[in-house]
Amino acid sequence: MQPNLFEITEDSMTDPIINDCINPTCPFSGEPVEAGSLMQYRGHTVGFCNPDCRDKFAANPDGYKDAKALFDERIDDLET
């Protein structure tokens, strides 16, 4: 069983800092990332323009392949 990389917990919502976010704009809307719409993905802070976008991705990341690919590419670049 794979670990849940998309889990939103009380800790994951209080720890992310906007300056640590790997994407400046929401992968869905193209709007700037908001501090209240961050989550942890693969150990990195990713952001969205609002909590609805964040929750939509967290609930079904495989349904949003473009957003997932964007995050994975940026994380892979950071980790190499």
C-alpha atoms as a PDB file:
ATOM      1  CA  MET A   1       0.000   0.000   0.000  1.00  0.00           C
ATOM      2  CA  GLN A   2       1.342   3.413  -0.969  1.00  0.00           C
ATOM      3  CA  PRO A   3       1.541   6.229   1.590  1.00  0.00           C
ATOM      4  CA  ASN A   4      -1.016   8.989   1.185  1.00  0.00           C
ATOM      5  CA  LEU A   5       1.046  11.819  -0.324  1.00  0.00           C
ATOM      6  CA  PHE A   6      -1.937  14.148  -0.484  1.00  0.00           C
ATOM      7  CA  GLU A   7      -3.240  14.018   3.058  1.00  0.00           C
ATOM      8  CA  ILE A   8      -4.401  17.304   4.524  1.00  0.00           C
ATOM      9  CA  THR A   9      -4.047  17.286   8.293  1.00  0.00           C
ATOM     10  CA  GLU A  10      -4.155  19.935  10.974  1.00  0.00           C
ATOM     11  CA  ASP A  11      -0.339  19.851  11.049  1.00  0.00           C
ATOM     12  CA  SER A  12       0.056  20.082   7.277  1.00  0.00           C
ATOM     13  CA  MET A  13      -2.155  23.160   7.139  1.00  0.00           C
ATOM     14  CA  THR A  14      -0.364  25.059   9.889  1.00  0.00           C
ATOM     15  CA  ASP A  15       3.212  24.222   8.898  1.00  0.00           C
ATOM     16  CA  PRO A  16       3.450  25.265   5.231  1.00  0.00           C
ATOM     17  CA  ILE A  17       4.834  28.723   4.653  1.00  0.00           C
ATOM     18  CA  ILE A  18       3.991  30.629   1.477  1.00  0.00           C
ATOM     19  CA  ASN A  19       7.687  31.383   0.860  1.00  0.00           C
ATOM     20  CA  ASP A  20       8.390  27.652   0.694  1.00  0.00           C
ATOM     21  CA  CYS A  21       5.716  27.054  -1.945  1.00  0.00           C
ATOM     22  CA  ILE A  22       7.185  25.526  -5.118  1.00  0.00           C
ATOM     23  CA  ASN A  23       4.580  27.068  -7.445  1.00  0.00           C
ATOM     24  CA  PRO A  24       3.678  30.773  -7.603  1.00  0.00           C
ATOM     25  CA  THR A  25       0.311  30.241  -9.296  1.00  0.00           C
ATOM     26  CA  CYS A  26      -2.579  27.825  -8.927  1.00  0.00           C
ATOM     27  CA  PRO A  27      -2.281  24.927 -11.390  1.00  0.00           C
ATOM     28  CA  PHE A  28      -6.025  25.154 -12.067  1.00  0.00           C
ATOM     29  CA  SER A  29      -6.779  28.867 -12.402  1.00  0.00           C
ATOM     30  CA  GLY A  30      -3.394  30.499 -12.980  1.00  0.00           C
ATOM     31  CA  GLU A  31      -4.202  32.902 -10.132  1.00  0.00           C
ATOM     32  CA  PRO A  32      -1.565  33.632  -7.454  1.00  0.00           C
ATOM     33  CA  VAL A  33      -1.213  31.094  -4.653  1.00  0.00           C
ATOM     34  CA  GLU A  34      -2.838  32.090  -1.355  1.00  0.00           C
ATOM     35  CA  ALA A  35      -1.309  31.325   2.062  1.00  0.00           C
ATOM     36  CA  GLY A  36      -4.514  29.681   3.300  1.00  0.00           C
ATOM     37  CA  SER A  37      -4.537  27.234   0.383  1.00  0.00           C
ATOM     38  CA  LEU A  38      -1.295  25.338   0.887  1.00  0.00           C
ATOM     39  CA  MET A  39      -0.662  21.648   1.441  1.00  0.00           C
ATOM     40  CA  GLN A  40       2.217  19.228   1.595  1.00  0.00           C
ATOM     41  CA  TYR A  41       2.874  17.022  -1.429  1.00  0.00           C
ATOM     42  CA  ARG A  42       5.892  14.695  -1.527  1.00  0.00           C
ATOM     43  CA  GLY A  43       7.379  16.617   1.390  1.00  0.00           C
ATOM     44  CA  HIS A  44       7.140  20.019  -0.323  1.00  0.00           C
ATOM     45  CA  THR A  45       4.714  22.910   0.021  1.00  0.00           C
ATOM     46  CA  VAL A  46       2.397  23.317  -2.956  1.00  0.00           C
ATOM     47  CA  GLY A  47      -0.240  25.985  -3.303  1.00  0.00           C
ATOM     48  CA  PHE A  48      -3.550  26.831  -4.842  1.00  0.00           C
ATOM     49  CA  CYS A  49      -5.586  30.012  -5.266  1.00  0.00           C
ATOM     50  CA  ASN A  50      -8.238  28.944  -2.755  1.00  0.00           C
ATOM     51  CA  PRO A  51      -9.090  26.057  -0.413  1.00  0.00           C
ATOM     52  CA  ASP A  52     -11.566  24.596  -2.925  1.00  0.00           C
ATOM     53  CA  CYS A  53      -8.801  24.045  -5.498  1.00  0.00           C
ATOM     54  CA  ARG A  54      -6.542  22.574  -2.808  1.00  0.00           C
ATOM     55  CA  ASP A  55      -9.261  20.236  -1.582  1.00  0.00           C
ATOM     56  CA  LYS A  56     -10.183  19.218  -5.136  1.00  0.00           C
ATOM     57  CA  PHE A  57      -6.577  18.156  -5.829  1.00  0.00           C
ATOM     58  CA  ALA A  58      -6.153  16.463  -2.449  1.00  0.00           C
ATOM     59  CA  ALA A  59      -9.322  14.419  -2.925  1.00  0.00           C
ATOM     60  CA  ASN A  60      -8.377  13.095  -6.362  1.00  0.00           C
ATOM     61  CA  PRO A  61      -4.816  13.925  -7.464  1.00  0.00           C
ATOM     62  CA  ASP A  62      -4.843  11.288 -10.198  1.00  0.00           C
ATOM     63  CA  GLY A  63      -7.827  13.054 -11.727  1.00  0.00           C
ATOM     64  CA  TYR A  64      -5.712  16.191 -12.202  1.00  0.00           C
ATOM     65  CA  LYS A  65      -2.750  14.842 -14.121  1.00  0.00           C
ATOM     66  CA  ASP A  66      -1.541  18.275 -15.318  1.00  0.00           C
ATOM     67  CA  ALA A  67      -1.332  19.659 -11.775  1.00  0.00           C
ATOM     68  CA  LYS A  68       0.291  16.482 -10.489  1.00  0.00           C
ATOM     69  CA  ALA A  69       2.831  16.529 -13.352  1.00  0.00           C
ATOM     70  CA  LEU A  70       3.658  20.191 -12.639  1.00  0.00           C
ATOM     71  CA  PHE A  71       4.304  19.464  -8.974  1.00  0.00           C
ATOM     72  CA  ASP A  72       6.268  16.288  -9.715  1.00  0.00           C
ATOM     73  CA  GLU A  73       8.490  18.065 -12.259  1.00  0.00           C
ATOM     74  CA  ARG A  74       9.282  20.935  -9.910  1.00  0.00           C
ATOM     75  CA  ILE A  75       9.970  18.597  -7.005  1.00  0.00           C
ATOM     76  CA  ASP A  76      12.188  16.376  -9.149  1.00  0.00           C
ATOM     77  CA  ASP A  77      14.161  19.483 -10.220  1.00  0.00           C
ATOM     78  CA  LEU A  78      14.581  20.510  -6.580  1.00  0.00           C
ATOM     79  CA  GLU A  79      15.727  17.058  -5.534  1.00  0.00           C
ATOM     80  CA  THR A  80      18.371  16.612  -8.243  1.00  0.00           C
END
